[in-house]
């Protein structure tokens, strides 16, 4: 059975006691990223983190266990690409527990996000997050990417954990509309992967991402059709 549903969100819960440090670190990180976030959105982000922490004990949704590490390695890492989102309809492939899709959906509630994963336990978690946070702009899909054929194509395919850029393009190109693009989040710059892209695709933008509190290299790669 999934963990019991929490009581209704209360920002006071996140401004004192054990959650105050999480809220402080999140606000500092959002400021560093120059992201404007309402108190309600901050409550939603922390509620999501709280759910992830609890469900992780039963379902092993992420290898990151420490709640403060989750602030930096999950929330802020995901939100660091928010300013790069162009379009209205996005699909997060291999979303796992909803990264980067859920944090981005919380901050960009005018945009729609499909969260795709083949793991049923993870998509059940995503459904519960959608329900408890009242996120009307997300939908979860429990399928392999090769088996998913949406009625309407997407403006952008998001990927934070796909095995390689070449595999991402080959397996996900059917999800994009005519002017659609890929946004791939990577650690170290994958030079070999860049050279193995299909010939009808090119890198339009590539730059490093500075994530508050995260050591090591982070890169964002935008890939478009030639």
N, C-alpha and C. Protein backbone atom coordinates (compact mmCIF):
# COMPACT_ATOMS: atom_id res chain seq x y z
N UNK A 1 0.85 -1.20 0.00
CA UNK A 1 0.00 0.00 0.00
C UNK A 1 0.89 1.25 0.00
N UNK A 2 0.49 2.31 -0.76
CA UNK A 2 1.26 3.54 -0.75
C UNK A 2 1.14 4.24 0.58
N UNK A 3 2.09 5.13 0.89
CA UNK A 3 2.02 5.88 2.13
C UNK A 3 0.71 6.64 2.24
N UNK A 4 0.26 6.85 3.45
CA UNK A 4 -1.00 7.55 3.66
C UNK A 4 -0.91 8.98 3.18
N UNK A 5 -2.05 9.51 2.74
CA UNK A 5 -2.11 10.88 2.25
C UNK A 5 -1.88 11.86 3.39
N UNK A 6 -1.08 12.91 3.09
CA UNK A 6 -0.83 13.93 4.09
C UNK A 6 -2.06 14.79 4.30
N UNK A 7 -2.05 15.52 5.40
CA UNK A 7 -3.05 16.54 5.60
C UNK A 7 -2.81 17.68 4.63
N UNK A 8 -3.75 18.57 4.53
CA UNK A 8 -3.66 19.67 3.58
C UNK A 8 -2.40 20.49 3.83
N UNK A 9 -1.82 21.04 2.76
CA UNK A 9 -0.59 21.80 2.89
C UNK A 9 -0.77 22.98 3.82
N UNK A 10 0.21 23.22 4.65
CA UNK A 10 0.21 24.34 5.58
C UNK A 10 1.61 24.92 5.59
N UNK A 11 1.75 26.17 5.11
CA UNK A 11 3.08 26.75 5.00
C UNK A 11 3.76 26.87 6.35
N UNK A 12 2.98 26.95 7.44
CA UNK A 12 3.60 27.04 8.76
C UNK A 12 4.45 25.81 9.06
N UNK A 13 4.03 24.67 8.51
CA UNK A 13 4.78 23.44 8.73
C UNK A 13 6.19 23.53 8.17
N UNK A 14 6.33 24.33 7.12
CA UNK A 14 7.62 24.44 6.44
C UNK A 14 8.42 25.68 6.87
N UNK A 15 7.91 26.45 7.83
CA UNK A 15 8.62 27.64 8.26
C UNK A 15 9.17 27.50 9.68
N UNK A 16 8.98 26.36 10.30
CA UNK A 16 9.51 26.15 11.63
C UNK A 16 9.84 24.70 11.83
N UNK A 17 10.63 24.40 12.87
CA UNK A 17 10.94 23.02 13.17
C UNK A 17 11.85 22.40 12.14
N UNK A 18 11.67 21.09 11.88
CA UNK A 18 12.63 20.35 11.05
C UNK A 18 12.65 20.76 9.58
N UNK A 19 11.61 21.44 9.12
CA UNK A 19 11.55 21.79 7.70
C UNK A 19 12.07 23.19 7.40
N UNK A 20 12.40 23.96 8.42
CA UNK A 20 12.79 25.35 8.20
C UNK A 20 14.08 25.46 7.40
N UNK A 21 15.03 24.55 7.63
CA UNK A 21 16.29 24.59 6.91
C UNK A 21 16.09 24.28 5.43
N UNK A 22 15.18 23.36 5.14
CA UNK A 22 14.87 23.06 3.74
C UNK A 22 14.32 24.30 3.04
N UNK A 23 13.39 24.96 3.70
CA UNK A 23 12.78 26.15 3.10
C UNK A 23 13.84 27.24 2.87
N UNK A 24 14.72 27.42 3.85
CA UNK A 24 15.76 28.43 3.73
C UNK A 24 16.68 28.13 2.55
N UNK A 25 17.13 26.87 2.44
CA UNK A 25 18.03 26.49 1.35
C UNK A 25 17.35 26.62 -0.01
N UNK A 26 16.07 26.26 -0.06
CA UNK A 26 15.34 26.37 -1.31
C UNK A 26 15.21 27.83 -1.73
N UNK A 27 14.87 28.70 -0.81
CA UNK A 27 14.72 30.12 -1.14
C UNK A 27 16.06 30.72 -1.59
N UNK A 28 17.14 30.36 -0.90
CA UNK A 28 18.46 30.86 -1.30
C UNK A 28 18.80 30.39 -2.70
N UNK A 29 18.52 29.13 -2.98
CA UNK A 29 18.82 28.58 -4.30
C UNK A 29 17.99 29.23 -5.40
N UNK A 30 16.71 29.45 -5.14
CA UNK A 30 15.85 30.12 -6.12
C UNK A 30 16.34 31.53 -6.40
N UNK A 31 16.81 32.21 -5.34
CA UNK A 31 17.37 33.54 -5.53
C UNK A 31 18.62 33.52 -6.39
N UNK A 32 19.47 32.53 -6.17
CA UNK A 32 20.69 32.41 -6.97
C UNK A 32 20.38 32.15 -8.44
N UNK A 33 19.31 31.42 -8.69
CA UNK A 33 18.89 31.12 -10.06
C UNK A 33 18.05 32.24 -10.67
N UNK A 34 17.77 33.27 -9.87
CA UNK A 34 16.96 34.41 -10.29
C UNK A 34 15.57 33.98 -10.75
N UNK A 35 14.99 33.05 -9.98
CA UNK A 35 13.65 32.56 -10.27
C UNK A 35 12.66 33.17 -9.27
N UNK A 36 11.56 33.69 -9.80
CA UNK A 36 10.51 34.25 -8.96
C UNK A 36 9.52 33.15 -8.62
N UNK A 37 9.27 32.98 -7.33
CA UNK A 37 8.45 31.86 -6.87
C UNK A 37 7.54 32.35 -5.75
N UNK A 38 6.24 32.08 -5.85
CA UNK A 38 5.31 32.47 -4.80
C UNK A 38 5.46 31.55 -3.59
N UNK A 39 4.93 31.99 -2.46
CA UNK A 39 4.98 31.17 -1.25
C UNK A 39 4.22 29.86 -1.48
N UNK A 40 3.14 29.93 -2.22
CA UNK A 40 2.38 28.71 -2.51
C UNK A 40 3.20 27.73 -3.33
N UNK A 41 3.93 28.24 -4.32
CA UNK A 41 4.78 27.36 -5.13
C UNK A 41 5.90 26.76 -4.30
N UNK A 42 6.47 27.54 -3.38
CA UNK A 42 7.49 27.00 -2.49
C UNK A 42 6.89 25.90 -1.62
N UNK A 43 5.66 26.12 -1.12
CA UNK A 43 4.98 25.08 -0.35
C UNK A 43 4.81 23.81 -1.18
N UNK A 44 4.43 23.97 -2.45
CA UNK A 44 4.25 22.80 -3.32
C UNK A 44 5.57 22.06 -3.54
N UNK A 45 6.64 22.79 -3.76
CA UNK A 45 7.95 22.16 -3.96
C UNK A 45 8.36 21.37 -2.72
N UNK A 46 8.16 21.95 -1.55
CA UNK A 46 8.54 21.27 -0.31
C UNK A 46 7.61 20.10 -0.01
N UNK A 47 6.35 20.24 -0.36
CA UNK A 47 5.41 19.12 -0.20
C UNK A 47 5.82 17.95 -1.09
N UNK A 48 6.19 18.27 -2.33
CA UNK A 48 6.68 17.23 -3.24
C UNK A 48 7.91 16.54 -2.67
N UNK A 49 8.83 17.33 -2.14
CA UNK A 49 10.04 16.76 -1.56
C UNK A 49 9.70 15.86 -0.37
N UNK A 50 8.75 16.28 0.44
CA UNK A 50 8.33 15.50 1.60
C UNK A 50 7.72 14.17 1.15
N UNK A 51 6.89 14.20 0.11
CA UNK A 51 6.32 12.97 -0.42
C UNK A 51 7.39 12.05 -0.99
N UNK A 52 8.34 12.65 -1.70
CA UNK A 52 9.42 11.86 -2.29
C UNK A 52 10.24 11.17 -1.21
N UNK A 53 10.52 11.89 -0.14
CA UNK A 53 11.30 11.33 0.96
C UNK A 53 10.55 10.13 1.59
N UNK A 54 9.25 10.27 1.81
CA UNK A 54 8.48 9.21 2.45
C UNK A 54 8.28 7.99 1.54
N UNK A 55 7.89 8.25 0.30
CA UNK A 55 7.67 7.15 -0.63
C UNK A 55 8.97 6.43 -0.96
N UNK A 56 10.07 7.14 -0.89
CA UNK A 56 11.36 6.55 -1.22
C UNK A 56 11.72 5.41 -0.27
N UNK A 57 11.24 5.48 0.94
CA UNK A 57 11.52 4.44 1.92
C UNK A 57 10.91 3.10 1.51
N UNK A 58 9.79 3.14 0.81
CA UNK A 58 9.12 1.92 0.40
C UNK A 58 9.42 1.53 -1.04
N UNK A 59 9.60 2.52 -1.92
CA UNK A 59 9.66 2.25 -3.35
C UNK A 59 11.01 2.53 -3.99
N UNK A 60 11.98 3.04 -3.23
CA UNK A 60 13.32 3.29 -3.78
C UNK A 60 13.25 4.13 -5.06
N UNK A 61 12.66 5.31 -4.95
CA UNK A 61 12.47 6.18 -6.10
C UNK A 61 13.72 6.94 -6.50
N UNK A 62 14.63 7.16 -5.54
CA UNK A 62 15.86 7.91 -5.81
C UNK A 62 16.96 7.45 -4.87
N UNK A 63 18.20 7.53 -5.37
CA UNK A 63 19.34 7.14 -4.52
C UNK A 63 19.70 8.23 -3.53
N UNK A 64 19.19 9.44 -3.74
CA UNK A 64 19.45 10.55 -2.82
C UNK A 64 18.50 10.41 -1.63
N UNK A 65 19.07 10.34 -0.42
CA UNK A 65 18.26 10.12 0.78
C UNK A 65 18.14 11.34 1.66
N UNK A 66 19.18 12.16 1.71
CA UNK A 66 19.18 13.30 2.61
C UNK A 66 18.27 14.41 2.07
N UNK A 67 17.31 14.90 2.87
CA UNK A 67 16.37 15.92 2.38
C UNK A 67 17.04 17.21 1.90
N UNK A 68 18.12 17.63 2.58
CA UNK A 68 18.82 18.83 2.12
C UNK A 68 19.54 18.60 0.80
N UNK A 69 20.09 17.40 0.62
CA UNK A 69 20.70 17.07 -0.67
C UNK A 69 19.65 17.08 -1.77
N UNK A 70 18.44 16.64 -1.45
CA UNK A 70 17.35 16.64 -2.44
C UNK A 70 17.01 18.05 -2.90
N UNK A 71 17.12 19.03 -2.00
CA UNK A 71 16.86 20.42 -2.38
C UNK A 71 17.77 20.81 -3.55
N UNK A 72 19.05 20.51 -3.43
CA UNK A 72 20.02 20.93 -4.45
C UNK A 72 20.06 20.00 -5.65
N UNK A 73 20.14 18.68 -5.38
CA UNK A 73 20.36 17.71 -6.46
C UNK A 73 19.09 17.37 -7.23
N UNK A 74 17.94 17.64 -6.65
CA UNK A 74 16.68 17.36 -7.34
C UNK A 74 15.93 18.64 -7.72
N UNK A 75 15.53 19.43 -6.72
CA UNK A 75 14.71 20.60 -7.01
C UNK A 75 15.47 21.67 -7.79
N UNK A 76 16.58 22.15 -7.23
CA UNK A 76 17.29 23.24 -7.89
C UNK A 76 17.94 22.80 -9.19
N UNK A 77 18.41 21.56 -9.25
CA UNK A 77 18.97 21.04 -10.50
C UNK A 77 17.92 21.04 -11.60
N UNK A 78 16.70 20.64 -11.27
CA UNK A 78 15.62 20.65 -12.25
C UNK A 78 15.23 22.06 -12.66
N UNK A 79 15.11 22.95 -11.66
CA UNK A 79 14.64 24.30 -11.93
C UNK A 79 15.67 25.17 -12.63
N UNK A 80 16.93 24.74 -12.64
CA UNK A 80 17.99 25.52 -13.28
C UNK A 80 17.77 25.69 -14.78
N UNK A 81 16.90 24.87 -15.39
CA UNK A 81 16.65 24.98 -16.83
C UNK A 81 15.32 25.67 -17.13
N UNK A 82 14.64 26.17 -16.10
CA UNK A 82 13.31 26.73 -16.30
C UNK A 82 13.27 27.85 -17.34
N UNK A 83 14.28 28.70 -17.32
CA UNK A 83 14.30 29.84 -18.25
C UNK A 83 14.49 29.41 -19.70
N UNK A 84 14.89 28.16 -19.93
CA UNK A 84 15.15 27.66 -21.29
C UNK A 84 13.91 27.07 -21.95
N UNK A 85 12.80 26.98 -21.23
CA UNK A 85 11.60 26.35 -21.77
C UNK A 85 10.90 27.27 -22.75
N UNK A 86 10.77 26.81 -23.99
CA UNK A 86 10.06 27.55 -25.03
C UNK A 86 8.96 26.65 -25.57
N UNK A 87 7.74 27.17 -25.58
CA UNK A 87 6.60 26.37 -26.02
C UNK A 87 5.61 26.17 -24.89
N UNK A 88 4.61 25.33 -25.17
CA UNK A 88 3.52 25.11 -24.22
C UNK A 88 3.39 23.66 -23.75
N UNK A 89 3.79 22.71 -24.59
CA UNK A 89 3.58 21.30 -24.29
C UNK A 89 4.91 20.56 -24.24
N UNK A 90 5.18 19.93 -23.10
CA UNK A 90 6.46 19.28 -22.85
C UNK A 90 6.24 17.83 -22.43
N UNK A 91 7.20 16.98 -22.77
CA UNK A 91 7.18 15.61 -22.28
C UNK A 91 8.53 15.30 -21.65
N UNK A 92 8.49 14.80 -20.43
CA UNK A 92 9.68 14.42 -19.67
C UNK A 92 9.81 12.91 -19.78
N UNK A 93 10.77 12.44 -20.58
CA UNK A 93 10.92 11.01 -20.83
C UNK A 93 11.85 10.39 -19.80
N UNK A 94 11.47 9.22 -19.30
CA UNK A 94 12.24 8.59 -18.24
C UNK A 94 12.24 9.45 -17.00
N UNK A 95 11.08 9.99 -16.67
CA UNK A 95 10.96 10.99 -15.60
C UNK A 95 11.27 10.45 -14.21
N UNK A 96 11.19 9.13 -14.01
CA UNK A 96 11.43 8.57 -12.68
C UNK A 96 10.41 9.11 -11.69
N UNK A 97 10.86 9.73 -10.61
CA UNK A 97 9.93 10.30 -9.63
C UNK A 97 9.44 11.70 -9.99
N UNK A 98 9.61 12.08 -11.28
CA UNK A 98 9.10 13.37 -11.72
C UNK A 98 10.14 14.45 -11.85
N UNK A 99 11.34 14.09 -12.24
CA UNK A 99 12.45 15.04 -12.36
C UNK A 99 12.98 15.07 -13.79
N UNK A 100 12.98 16.22 -14.42
CA UNK A 100 12.71 17.56 -13.87
C UNK A 100 11.26 18.01 -13.96
N UNK A 101 10.36 17.15 -14.45
CA UNK A 101 9.02 17.58 -14.82
C UNK A 101 8.19 18.22 -13.73
N UNK A 102 8.15 17.63 -12.53
CA UNK A 102 7.28 18.18 -11.50
C UNK A 102 7.75 19.54 -11.00
N UNK A 103 9.02 19.72 -10.63
CA UNK A 103 9.44 21.07 -10.24
C UNK A 103 9.19 22.12 -11.33
N UNK A 104 9.43 21.75 -12.58
CA UNK A 104 9.18 22.69 -13.68
C UNK A 104 7.69 22.98 -13.84
N UNK A 105 6.85 21.98 -13.63
CA UNK A 105 5.40 22.19 -13.73
C UNK A 105 4.90 23.10 -12.62
N UNK A 106 5.48 22.99 -11.44
CA UNK A 106 5.08 23.85 -10.32
C UNK A 106 5.41 25.31 -10.62
N UNK A 107 6.57 25.56 -11.21
CA UNK A 107 6.97 26.94 -11.50
C UNK A 107 6.37 27.48 -12.79
N UNK A 108 5.94 26.60 -13.68
CA UNK A 108 5.42 27.02 -14.99
C UNK A 108 4.01 26.45 -15.18
N UNK A 109 3.08 26.94 -14.39
CA UNK A 109 1.75 26.33 -14.37
C UNK A 109 0.92 26.67 -15.60
N UNK A 110 1.42 27.56 -16.45
CA UNK A 110 0.73 27.85 -17.71
C UNK A 110 1.13 26.86 -18.80
N UNK A 111 2.15 26.04 -18.54
CA UNK A 111 2.61 25.04 -19.50
C UNK A 111 2.13 23.65 -19.07
N UNK A 112 2.05 22.73 -20.03
CA UNK A 112 1.60 21.37 -19.76
C UNK A 112 2.78 20.40 -19.85
N UNK A 113 2.79 19.44 -18.93
CA UNK A 113 3.89 18.47 -18.87
C UNK A 113 3.33 17.05 -18.81
N UNK A 114 3.80 16.22 -19.73
CA UNK A 114 3.52 14.79 -19.67
C UNK A 114 4.74 14.11 -19.07
N UNK A 115 4.52 13.27 -18.05
CA UNK A 115 5.61 12.59 -17.35
C UNK A 115 5.56 11.12 -17.73
N UNK A 116 6.56 10.67 -18.47
CA UNK A 116 6.56 9.32 -19.04
C UNK A 116 7.59 8.44 -18.35
N UNK A 117 7.14 7.27 -17.88
CA UNK A 117 8.06 6.31 -17.29
C UNK A 117 7.45 4.91 -17.41
N UNK A 118 8.32 3.91 -17.58
CA UNK A 118 7.85 2.54 -17.75
C UNK A 118 7.66 1.82 -16.41
N UNK A 119 8.06 2.45 -15.32
CA UNK A 119 7.97 1.84 -13.99
C UNK A 119 6.64 2.22 -13.34
N UNK A 120 5.79 1.22 -13.10
CA UNK A 120 4.47 1.47 -12.56
C UNK A 120 4.48 2.08 -11.17
N UNK A 121 5.43 1.70 -10.33
CA UNK A 121 5.50 2.27 -8.99
C UNK A 121 5.78 3.77 -9.06
N UNK A 122 6.62 4.16 -9.99
CA UNK A 122 6.96 5.58 -10.12
C UNK A 122 5.78 6.38 -10.67
N UNK A 123 5.05 5.84 -11.62
CA UNK A 123 3.91 6.58 -12.14
C UNK A 123 2.76 6.62 -11.13
N UNK A 124 2.65 5.64 -10.26
CA UNK A 124 1.65 5.72 -9.18
C UNK A 124 2.02 6.84 -8.22
N UNK A 125 3.30 6.98 -7.95
CA UNK A 125 3.76 8.10 -7.13
C UNK A 125 3.43 9.43 -7.80
N UNK A 126 3.66 9.52 -9.10
CA UNK A 126 3.37 10.76 -9.84
C UNK A 126 1.89 11.10 -9.79
N UNK A 127 1.04 10.10 -9.89
CA UNK A 127 -0.40 10.34 -9.81
C UNK A 127 -0.77 10.91 -8.44
N UNK A 128 -0.16 10.36 -7.39
CA UNK A 128 -0.46 10.84 -6.04
C UNK A 128 0.05 12.27 -5.84
N UNK A 129 1.21 12.58 -6.39
CA UNK A 129 1.72 13.95 -6.33
C UNK A 129 0.76 14.91 -7.03
N UNK A 130 0.33 14.54 -8.22
CA UNK A 130 -0.62 15.38 -8.96
C UNK A 130 -1.88 15.63 -8.14
N UNK A 131 -2.37 14.59 -7.49
CA UNK A 131 -3.59 14.68 -6.70
C UNK A 131 -3.41 15.57 -5.48
N UNK A 132 -2.36 15.33 -4.72
CA UNK A 132 -2.17 16.04 -3.46
C UNK A 132 -1.70 17.47 -3.64
N UNK A 133 -0.96 17.74 -4.71
CA UNK A 133 -0.50 19.11 -4.94
C UNK A 133 -1.46 19.91 -5.81
N UNK A 134 -2.47 19.24 -6.36
CA UNK A 134 -3.44 19.93 -7.21
C UNK A 134 -2.83 20.44 -8.50
N UNK A 135 -1.96 19.64 -9.10
CA UNK A 135 -1.27 20.05 -10.33
C UNK A 135 -2.10 19.62 -11.55
N UNK A 136 -2.86 20.56 -12.09
CA UNK A 136 -3.71 20.26 -13.23
C UNK A 136 -2.95 20.27 -14.55
N UNK A 137 -1.70 20.69 -14.52
CA UNK A 137 -0.93 20.81 -15.77
C UNK A 137 0.02 19.65 -16.00
N UNK A 138 -0.13 18.55 -15.24
CA UNK A 138 0.69 17.36 -15.50
C UNK A 138 -0.19 16.15 -15.74
N UNK A 139 0.33 15.23 -16.52
CA UNK A 139 -0.31 13.92 -16.71
C UNK A 139 0.79 12.87 -16.72
N UNK A 140 0.53 11.74 -16.09
CA UNK A 140 1.53 10.68 -16.02
C UNK A 140 1.16 9.56 -16.98
N UNK A 141 2.18 8.97 -17.59
CA UNK A 141 1.97 7.88 -18.56
C UNK A 141 2.91 6.74 -18.21
N UNK A 142 2.35 5.55 -18.00
CA UNK A 142 3.14 4.37 -17.66
C UNK A 142 3.36 3.53 -18.92
N UNK A 143 4.37 3.92 -19.70
CA UNK A 143 4.70 3.20 -20.94
C UNK A 143 6.18 3.39 -21.24
N UNK A 144 6.70 2.48 -22.07
CA UNK A 144 8.01 2.70 -22.65
C UNK A 144 7.88 3.75 -23.75
N UNK A 145 8.93 4.54 -23.94
CA UNK A 145 8.83 5.65 -24.88
C UNK A 145 8.55 5.16 -26.29
N UNK A 146 9.08 3.99 -26.65
CA UNK A 146 8.85 3.46 -28.00
C UNK A 146 7.40 3.08 -28.24
N UNK A 147 6.66 2.83 -27.16
CA UNK A 147 5.28 2.39 -27.26
C UNK A 147 4.27 3.52 -27.11
N UNK A 148 4.76 4.71 -26.82
CA UNK A 148 3.86 5.84 -26.57
C UNK A 148 3.73 6.68 -27.84
N UNK A 149 2.50 6.77 -28.34
CA UNK A 149 2.22 7.55 -29.54
C UNK A 149 1.08 8.52 -29.23
N UNK A 150 1.42 9.74 -28.83
CA UNK A 150 0.40 10.71 -28.41
C UNK A 150 -0.43 11.22 -29.59
N UNK A 151 -1.64 11.67 -29.27
CA UNK A 151 -2.49 12.24 -30.31
C UNK A 151 -1.92 13.55 -30.84
N UNK A 152 -1.33 14.34 -29.94
CA UNK A 152 -0.72 15.61 -30.32
C UNK A 152 0.77 15.57 -29.99
N UNK A 153 1.60 16.00 -30.94
CA UNK A 153 3.04 16.01 -30.70
C UNK A 153 3.42 17.17 -29.78
N UNK A 154 4.63 17.12 -29.26
CA UNK A 154 5.08 18.05 -28.23
C UNK A 154 6.03 19.11 -28.80
N UNK A 155 6.09 20.23 -28.08
CA UNK A 155 7.04 21.29 -28.43
C UNK A 155 8.46 20.92 -28.01
N UNK A 156 8.58 20.11 -26.95
CA UNK A 156 9.91 19.81 -26.42
C UNK A 156 9.92 18.47 -25.71
N UNK A 157 10.99 17.71 -25.93
CA UNK A 157 11.28 16.50 -25.16
C UNK A 157 12.36 16.85 -24.13
N UNK A 158 12.04 16.64 -22.86
CA UNK A 158 12.99 16.86 -21.77
C UNK A 158 13.60 15.54 -21.35
N UNK A 159 14.88 15.55 -21.05
CA UNK A 159 15.54 14.34 -20.58
C UNK A 159 16.61 14.70 -19.56
N UNK A 160 16.54 14.05 -18.40
CA UNK A 160 17.54 14.27 -17.36
C UNK A 160 18.37 13.01 -17.13
N UNK A 161 17.89 11.88 -17.62
CA UNK A 161 18.57 10.63 -17.27
C UNK A 161 18.62 9.63 -18.42
N UNK A 162 18.40 10.09 -19.65
CA UNK A 162 18.42 9.15 -20.77
C UNK A 162 19.84 8.65 -21.00
N UNK A 163 19.97 7.41 -21.45
CA UNK A 163 21.28 6.75 -21.53
C UNK A 163 22.28 7.50 -22.40
N UNK A 164 21.86 7.93 -23.59
CA UNK A 164 22.77 8.68 -24.47
C UNK A 164 21.96 9.61 -25.34
N UNK A 165 22.62 10.65 -25.86
CA UNK A 165 21.93 11.60 -26.71
C UNK A 165 21.42 10.94 -27.99
N UNK A 166 22.24 10.05 -28.56
CA UNK A 166 21.81 9.36 -29.77
C UNK A 166 20.57 8.52 -29.54
N UNK A 167 20.55 7.77 -28.44
CA UNK A 167 19.38 6.96 -28.11
C UNK A 167 18.15 7.83 -27.87
N UNK A 168 18.36 8.95 -27.19
CA UNK A 168 17.25 9.86 -26.93
C UNK A 168 16.61 10.33 -28.22
N UNK A 169 17.43 10.79 -29.16
CA UNK A 169 16.90 11.30 -30.42
C UNK A 169 16.22 10.18 -31.22
N UNK A 170 16.87 9.03 -31.32
CA UNK A 170 16.32 7.92 -32.10
C UNK A 170 14.98 7.44 -31.54
N UNK A 171 14.89 7.34 -30.22
CA UNK A 171 13.71 6.77 -29.59
C UNK A 171 12.58 7.76 -29.34
N UNK A 172 12.90 9.05 -29.37
CA UNK A 172 11.90 10.05 -28.98
C UNK A 172 11.51 11.02 -30.09
N UNK A 173 12.13 10.92 -31.25
CA UNK A 173 11.86 11.92 -32.29
C UNK A 173 10.41 11.91 -32.75
N UNK A 174 9.72 10.77 -32.60
CA UNK A 174 8.32 10.70 -33.01
C UNK A 174 7.40 11.50 -32.09
N UNK A 175 7.92 11.95 -30.96
CA UNK A 175 7.11 12.70 -30.00
C UNK A 175 7.06 14.20 -30.30
N UNK A 176 7.95 14.68 -31.16
CA UNK A 176 8.07 16.11 -31.41
C UNK A 176 7.24 16.58 -32.59
N UNK A 177 6.72 17.82 -32.48
CA UNK A 177 6.06 18.43 -33.63
C UNK A 177 7.11 18.97 -34.60
N UNK A 178 6.65 19.60 -35.65
CA UNK A 178 7.56 19.98 -36.74
C UNK A 178 8.69 20.90 -36.28
N UNK A 179 8.39 21.78 -35.34
CA UNK A 179 9.39 22.73 -34.85
C UNK A 179 9.91 22.37 -33.46
N UNK A 180 9.66 21.12 -33.04
CA UNK A 180 10.03 20.70 -31.71
C UNK A 180 11.53 20.54 -31.52
N UNK A 181 11.94 20.45 -30.27
CA UNK A 181 13.37 20.36 -29.94
C UNK A 181 13.57 19.49 -28.70
N UNK A 182 14.80 19.07 -28.51
CA UNK A 182 15.20 18.31 -27.32
C UNK A 182 15.96 19.21 -26.36
N UNK A 183 15.71 19.02 -25.06
CA UNK A 183 16.55 19.61 -24.02
C UNK A 183 17.07 18.47 -23.17
N UNK A 184 18.37 18.24 -23.23
CA UNK A 184 18.99 17.14 -22.49
C UNK A 184 19.89 17.70 -21.40
N UNK A 185 19.70 17.21 -20.18
CA UNK A 185 20.53 17.60 -19.04
C UNK A 185 21.60 16.54 -18.85
N UNK A 186 22.84 16.99 -18.78
CA UNK A 186 23.96 16.07 -18.65
C UNK A 186 24.94 16.58 -17.58
N UNK A 187 25.78 15.67 -17.11
CA UNK A 187 26.84 16.04 -16.19
C UNK A 187 28.03 16.55 -16.98
N UNK A 188 29.08 15.74 -17.07
CA UNK A 188 30.23 16.12 -17.90
C UNK A 188 29.82 16.17 -19.35
N UNK A 189 30.48 17.05 -20.10
CA UNK A 189 30.15 17.22 -21.51
C UNK A 189 30.41 15.92 -22.26
N UNK A 190 29.38 15.33 -22.87
CA UNK A 190 29.54 14.02 -23.52
C UNK A 190 30.00 14.16 -24.97
N UNK A 191 31.28 14.39 -25.17
CA UNK A 191 31.80 14.66 -26.52
C UNK A 191 31.51 13.50 -27.48
N UNK A 192 31.70 12.28 -27.00
CA UNK A 192 31.45 11.12 -27.87
C UNK A 192 29.99 11.07 -28.29
N UNK A 193 29.10 11.31 -27.35
CA UNK A 193 27.67 11.28 -27.66
C UNK A 193 27.31 12.37 -28.67
N UNK A 194 27.91 13.53 -28.54
CA UNK A 194 27.62 14.63 -29.46
C UNK A 194 28.01 14.26 -30.89
N UNK A 195 29.08 13.52 -31.03
CA UNK A 195 29.55 13.13 -32.36
C UNK A 195 28.72 12.01 -32.96
N UNK A 196 27.90 11.37 -32.14
CA UNK A 196 27.10 10.23 -32.61
C UNK A 196 25.64 10.57 -32.85
N UNK A 197 25.30 11.86 -32.85
CA UNK A 197 23.94 12.26 -33.14
C UNK A 197 23.57 11.91 -34.58
N UNK A 198 22.30 11.56 -34.84
CA UNK A 198 21.88 11.33 -36.22
C UNK A 198 22.18 12.55 -37.10
N UNK A 199 22.49 12.32 -38.35
CA UNK A 199 22.96 13.39 -39.21
C UNK A 199 21.91 14.47 -39.48
N UNK A 200 20.64 14.14 -39.31
CA UNK A 200 19.60 15.13 -39.55
C UNK A 200 19.25 15.94 -38.29
N UNK A 201 20.10 15.84 -37.28
CA UNK A 201 19.93 16.64 -36.05
C UNK A 201 21.23 17.36 -35.73
N UNK A 202 21.11 18.50 -35.06
CA UNK A 202 22.30 19.27 -34.69
C UNK A 202 22.12 19.89 -33.31
N UNK A 203 23.23 20.24 -32.69
CA UNK A 203 23.21 20.94 -31.42
C UNK A 203 23.05 22.43 -31.71
N UNK A 204 21.96 23.00 -31.24
CA UNK A 204 21.72 24.43 -31.45
C UNK A 204 22.29 25.27 -30.31
N UNK A 205 22.28 24.70 -29.12
CA UNK A 205 22.78 25.44 -27.95
C UNK A 205 23.39 24.44 -26.96
N UNK A 206 24.50 24.81 -26.39
CA UNK A 206 25.16 23.98 -25.38
C UNK A 206 25.83 24.91 -24.37
N UNK A 207 25.47 24.79 -23.12
CA UNK A 207 26.11 25.62 -22.12
C UNK A 207 26.10 24.94 -20.76
N UNK A 208 26.99 25.38 -19.90
CA UNK A 208 27.06 24.83 -18.55
C UNK A 208 25.94 25.41 -17.69
N UNK A 209 25.54 24.65 -16.69
CA UNK A 209 24.52 25.08 -15.74
C UNK A 209 25.16 25.18 -14.37
N UNK A 210 24.94 26.30 -13.73
CA UNK A 210 25.42 26.48 -12.35
C UNK A 210 24.25 26.23 -11.40
N UNK A 211 24.31 25.12 -10.70
CA UNK A 211 23.25 24.75 -9.76
C UNK A 211 23.73 25.04 -8.35
N UNK A 212 23.03 25.91 -7.62
CA UNK A 212 23.46 26.24 -6.26
C UNK A 212 23.62 24.99 -5.38
N UNK A 213 24.77 24.88 -4.73
CA UNK A 213 25.01 23.79 -3.81
C UNK A 213 25.41 22.48 -4.45
N UNK A 214 25.60 22.47 -5.78
CA UNK A 214 25.95 21.23 -6.49
C UNK A 214 27.35 21.36 -7.06
N UNK A 215 28.23 20.47 -6.65
CA UNK A 215 29.59 20.44 -7.20
C UNK A 215 29.60 19.57 -8.45
N UNK A 216 30.60 19.75 -9.26
CA UNK A 216 30.69 18.95 -10.48
C UNK A 216 30.04 19.66 -11.65
N UNK A 217 30.31 19.16 -12.83
CA UNK A 217 29.84 19.78 -14.05
C UNK A 217 28.38 19.43 -14.33
N UNK A 218 27.64 20.42 -14.84
CA UNK A 218 26.27 20.22 -15.32
C UNK A 218 26.15 20.96 -16.64
N UNK A 219 25.55 20.32 -17.63
CA UNK A 219 25.39 20.95 -18.94
C UNK A 219 23.95 20.76 -19.46
N UNK A 220 23.52 21.73 -20.23
CA UNK A 220 22.24 21.65 -20.92
C UNK A 220 22.49 21.70 -22.42
N UNK A 221 21.90 20.76 -23.14
CA UNK A 221 22.11 20.64 -24.57
C UNK A 221 20.77 20.73 -25.29
N UNK A 222 20.66 21.68 -26.21
CA UNK A 222 19.46 21.82 -27.03
C UNK A 222 19.74 21.26 -28.42
N UNK A 223 18.90 20.32 -28.84
CA UNK A 223 19.10 19.64 -30.12
C UNK A 223 17.87 19.86 -30.99
N UNK A 224 18.10 20.24 -32.24
CA UNK A 224 17.00 20.51 -33.17
C UNK A 224 17.24 19.74 -34.47
N UNK A 225 16.18 19.65 -35.23
CA UNK A 225 16.27 18.99 -36.54
C UNK A 225 16.87 19.97 -37.55
N UNK A 226 17.71 19.46 -38.43
CA UNK A 226 18.36 20.34 -39.41
C UNK A 226 17.42 20.60 -40.58
